[in-house]
C-alpha atoms as a PDB file:
ATOM      1  CA  UNK A   1      20.337   3.640 -20.651  1.00  0.00           C
ATOM      2  CA  UNK A   2      23.547   1.823 -21.556  1.00  0.00           C
ATOM      3  CA  UNK A   3      23.113  -1.361 -19.491  1.00  0.00           C
ATOM      4  CA  UNK A   4      19.969  -3.472 -19.777  1.00  0.00           C
ATOM      5  CA  UNK A   5      18.504  -6.829 -20.747  1.00  0.00           C
ATOM      6  CA  UNK A   6      16.035  -6.797 -23.630  1.00  0.00           C
ATOM      7  CA  UNK A   7      13.503  -9.615 -23.264  1.00  0.00           C
ATOM      8  CA  UNK A   8      10.775 -10.989 -25.511  1.00  0.00           C
ATOM      9  CA  UNK A   9       8.271 -13.772 -24.864  1.00  0.00           C
ATOM     10  CA  UNK A  10       6.029 -15.655 -27.263  1.00  0.00           C
ATOM     11  CA  UNK A  11       2.912 -17.417 -26.005  1.00  0.00           C
ATOM     12  CA  UNK A  12       1.202 -20.579 -27.213  1.00  0.00           C
ATOM     13  CA  UNK A  13      -2.326 -19.354 -26.527  1.00  0.00           C
ATOM     14  CA  UNK A  14      -4.163 -16.433 -24.924  1.00  0.00           C
ATOM     15  CA  UNK A  15      -2.986 -17.342 -21.409  1.00  0.00           C
ATOM     16  CA  UNK A  16      -0.050 -15.232 -20.222  1.00  0.00           C
ATOM     17  CA  UNK A  17       1.340 -18.342 -18.527  1.00  0.00           C
ATOM     18  CA  UNK A  18       1.703 -20.109 -21.878  1.00  0.00           C
ATOM     19  CA  UNK A  19       5.157 -18.750 -22.693  1.00  0.00           C
ATOM     20  CA  UNK A  20       6.613 -21.034 -25.354  1.00  0.00           C
ATOM     21  CA  UNK A  21       9.829 -19.170 -26.137  1.00  0.00           C
ATOM     22  CA  UNK A  22      12.006 -16.434 -24.738  1.00  0.00           C
ATOM     23  CA  UNK A  23      14.785 -14.353 -26.185  1.00  0.00           C
ATOM     24  CA  UNK A  24      17.131 -12.150 -24.161  1.00  0.00           C
ATOM     25  CA  UNK A  25      19.849  -9.767 -25.322  1.00  0.00           C
ATOM     26  CA  UNK A  26      22.291  -8.370 -22.768  1.00  0.00           C
ATOM     27  CA  UNK A  27      23.587  -4.833 -23.406  1.00  0.00           C
ATOM     28  CA  UNK A  28      26.407  -3.357 -21.355  1.00  0.00           C
ATOM     29  CA  UNK A  29      27.968   0.008 -22.013  1.00  0.00           C
ATOM     30  CA  UNK A  30      25.757   0.331 -25.094  1.00  0.00           C
ATOM     31  CA  UNK A  31      27.136  -2.869 -26.664  1.00  0.00           C
ATOM     32  CA  UNK A  32      25.529  -6.293 -27.072  1.00  0.00           C
ATOM     33  CA  UNK A  33      27.620  -8.650 -24.948  1.00  0.00           C
ATOM     34  CA  UNK A  34      25.438 -11.768 -24.762  1.00  0.00           C
ATOM     35  CA  UNK A  35      22.204 -13.309 -25.966  1.00  0.00           C
ATOM     36  CA  UNK A  36      20.024 -16.252 -25.029  1.00  0.00           C
ATOM     37  CA  UNK A  37      17.109 -18.046 -26.683  1.00  0.00           C
ATOM     38  CA  UNK A  38      15.098 -21.044 -25.585  1.00  0.00           C
ATOM     39  CA  UNK A  39      11.907 -22.841 -26.382  1.00  0.00           C
ATOM     40  CA  UNK A  40       9.722 -23.469 -23.310  1.00  0.00           C
ATOM     41  CA  UNK A  41       7.058 -26.060 -22.567  1.00  0.00           C
ATOM     42  CA  UNK A  42       3.956 -23.822 -22.259  1.00  0.00           C
ATOM     43  CA  UNK A  43       1.478 -23.961 -19.386  1.00  0.00           C
ATOM     44  CA  UNK A  44      -1.254 -24.729 -20.370  1.00  0.00           C
ATOM     45  CA  UNK A  45       0.269 -26.815 -23.127  1.00  0.00           C
ATOM     46  CA  UNK A  46      -1.828 -26.119 -26.189  1.00  0.00           C
ATOM     47  CA  UNK A  47      -1.418 -23.785 -29.142  1.00  0.00           C
ATOM     48  CA  UNK A  48      -4.080 -21.694 -30.745  1.00  0.00           C
ATOM     49  CA  UNK A  49      -4.047 -20.944 -34.445  1.00  0.00           C
ATOM     50  CA  UNK A  50      -3.501 -17.196 -34.152  1.00  0.00           C
ATOM     51  CA  UNK A  51      -0.521 -17.394 -31.806  1.00  0.00           C
ATOM     52  CA  UNK A  52       1.132 -19.967 -34.062  1.00  0.00           C
ATOM     53  CA  UNK A  53       0.523 -17.642 -37.010  1.00  0.00           C
ATOM     54  CA  UNK A  54       2.412 -14.871 -35.209  1.00  0.00           C
ATOM     55  CA  UNK A  55       5.534 -16.812 -34.200  1.00  0.00           C
ATOM     56  CA  UNK A  56       5.402 -20.014 -36.240  1.00  0.00           C
ATOM     57  CA  UNK A  57       5.746 -22.342 -33.241  1.00  0.00           C
ATOM     58  CA  UNK A  58       3.574 -25.417 -32.644  1.00  0.00           C
ATOM     59  CA  UNK A  59       3.241 -28.078 -29.959  1.00  0.00           C
ATOM     60  CA  UNK A  60       5.711 -30.261 -31.857  1.00  0.00           C
ATOM     61  CA  UNK A  61       8.366 -27.550 -31.483  1.00  0.00           C
ATOM     62  CA  UNK A  62       8.109 -27.456 -27.694  1.00  0.00           C
ATOM     63  CA  UNK A  63       7.216 -31.080 -27.013  1.00  0.00           C
ATOM     64  CA  UNK A  64      10.644 -31.795 -25.496  1.00  0.00           C
ATOM     65  CA  UNK A  65      11.394 -28.240 -24.333  1.00  0.00           C
ATOM     66  CA  UNK A  66      12.224 -27.498 -20.686  1.00  0.00           C
ATOM     67  CA  UNK A  67       9.660 -25.938 -18.370  1.00  0.00           C
ATOM     68  CA  UNK A  68       9.969 -22.268 -17.429  1.00  0.00           C
ATOM     69  CA  UNK A  69      11.850 -22.644 -14.097  1.00  0.00           C
ATOM     70  CA  UNK A  70      14.619 -24.609 -15.843  1.00  0.00           C
ATOM     71  CA  UNK A  71      14.963 -21.929 -18.509  1.00  0.00           C
ATOM     72  CA  UNK A  72      14.876 -19.094 -15.977  1.00  0.00           C
ATOM     73  CA  UNK A  73      17.799 -20.648 -14.067  1.00  0.00           C
ATOM     74  CA  UNK A  74      19.876 -19.983 -17.182  1.00  0.00           C
ATOM     75  CA  UNK A  75      18.544 -16.439 -17.705  1.00  0.00           C
ATOM     76  CA  UNK A  76      18.710 -15.208 -14.114  1.00  0.00           C
ATOM     77  CA  UNK A  77      22.525 -14.903 -13.876  1.00  0.00           C
ATOM     78  CA  UNK A  78      22.649 -13.130 -17.246  1.00  0.00           C
ATOM     79  CA  UNK A  79      20.228 -10.383 -16.193  1.00  0.00           C
ATOM     80  CA  UNK A  80      21.377  -9.933 -12.598  1.00  0.00           C
ATOM     81  CA  UNK A  81      21.446  -6.246 -11.678  1.00  0.00           C
ATOM     82  CA  UNK A  82      20.047  -5.129 -15.047  1.00  0.00           C
ATOM     83  CA  UNK A  83      16.732  -3.452 -15.805  1.00  0.00           C
ATOM     84  CA  UNK A  84      14.529  -5.349 -18.261  1.00  0.00           C
ATOM     85  CA  UNK A  85      13.382  -3.749 -21.497  1.00  0.00           C
ATOM     86  CA  UNK A  86      10.644  -4.970 -23.845  1.00  0.00           C
ATOM     87  CA  UNK A  87       8.966  -3.487 -26.879  1.00  0.00           C
ATOM     88  CA  UNK A  88       5.558  -4.100 -25.318  1.00  0.00           C
ATOM     89  CA  UNK A  89       6.250  -4.048 -21.587  1.00  0.00           C
ATOM     90  CA  UNK A  90       2.608  -4.651 -20.661  1.00  0.00           C
ATOM     91  CA  UNK A  91       2.639  -8.004 -22.460  1.00  0.00           C
ATOM     92  CA  UNK A  92       6.121  -9.276 -21.600  1.00  0.00           C
ATOM     93  CA  UNK A  93       6.055  -8.203 -17.957  1.00  0.00           C
ATOM     94  CA  UNK A  94       2.613  -9.754 -17.452  1.00  0.00           C
ATOM     95  CA  UNK A  95       3.886 -13.023 -18.981  1.00  0.00           C
ATOM     96  CA  UNK A  96       6.903 -13.035 -16.687  1.00  0.00           C
ATOM     97  CA  UNK A  97       4.823 -12.368 -13.581  1.00  0.00           C
ATOM     98  CA  UNK A  98       2.237 -14.982 -14.610  1.00  0.00           C
ATOM     99  CA  UNK A  99       4.748 -17.806 -15.056  1.00  0.00           C
ATOM    100  CA  UNK A 100       6.475 -16.887 -11.805  1.00  0.00           C
ATOM    101  CA  UNK A 101       3.071 -17.251 -10.065  1.00  0.00           C
ATOM    102  CA  UNK A 102       2.252 -20.499 -11.896  1.00  0.00           C
ATOM    103  CA  UNK A 103       5.495 -22.118 -10.795  1.00  0.00           C
ATOM    104  CA  UNK A 104       5.297 -20.550  -7.304  1.00  0.00           C
ATOM    105  CA  UNK A 105       8.577 -18.694  -7.779  1.00  0.00           C
ATOM    106  CA  UNK A 106       9.368 -15.500  -5.872  1.00  0.00           C
ATOM    107  CA  UNK A 107       9.208 -12.584  -8.317  1.00  0.00           C
ATOM    108  CA  UNK A 108      12.154 -10.212  -7.690  1.00  0.00           C
ATOM    109  CA  UNK A 109      10.244  -7.120  -8.895  1.00  0.00           C
ATOM    110  CA  UNK A 110      12.498  -6.414 -11.857  1.00  0.00           C
ATOM    111  CA  UNK A 111      12.618  -2.798 -13.070  1.00  0.00           C
ATOM    112  CA  UNK A 112      10.902  -2.958 -16.483  1.00  0.00           C
ATOM    113  CA  UNK A 113      10.888  -0.377 -19.288  1.00  0.00           C
ATOM    114  CA  UNK A 114       8.909  -0.159 -22.533  1.00  0.00           C
ATOM    115  CA  UNK A 115      10.596   0.691 -25.830  1.00  0.00           C
ATOM    116  CA  UNK A 116       7.200   0.919 -27.545  1.00  0.00           C
ATOM    117  CA  UNK A 117       6.153   3.832 -25.334  1.00  0.00           C
ATOM    118  CA  UNK A 118       9.608   5.406 -25.640  1.00  0.00           C
ATOM    119  CA  UNK A 119       9.576   5.118 -29.444  1.00  0.00           C
ATOM    120  CA  UNK A 120       6.123   6.726 -29.680  1.00  0.00           C
ATOM    121  CA  UNK A 121       7.387   9.673 -27.638  1.00  0.00           C
ATOM    122  CA  UNK A 122      10.563   9.982 -29.710  1.00  0.00           C
ATOM    123  CA  UNK A 123       8.810   9.500 -33.062  1.00  0.00           C
ATOM    124  CA  UNK A 124       5.195  10.704 -32.802  1.00  0.00           C
ATOM    125  CA  UNK A 125       2.934   9.697 -35.652  1.00  0.00           C
ATOM    126  CA  UNK A 126       1.385  12.777 -37.271  1.00  0.00           C
ATOM    127  CA  UNK A 127      -2.315  12.716 -36.777  1.00  0.00           C
END
């Protein structure tokens, strides 16, 4: 796959709707051509200790951040026509679908691929 958008979400708590940041890298013809990062006001807006330990973000970081629909308006044109790729598709895709539902946005059924599964097939761990 030479054209894709790699996407990664962080969450503020155990709710998939609580995305508090997103990073996107656009790859075309096997080359990185663009990238995007934004903090997001999570929904619900609270942070648990363990999530903050993973990504280092707190409520103070996202206090003035835009809500998800505002951020997605910037991402949508970047990823148009591209499949999405994440290292843990199950997590990132479920976050994306959850925030689309929360904000009553129509989910365009993005094709989504998992690099974690692909890497385990390519590089099996001896057992």
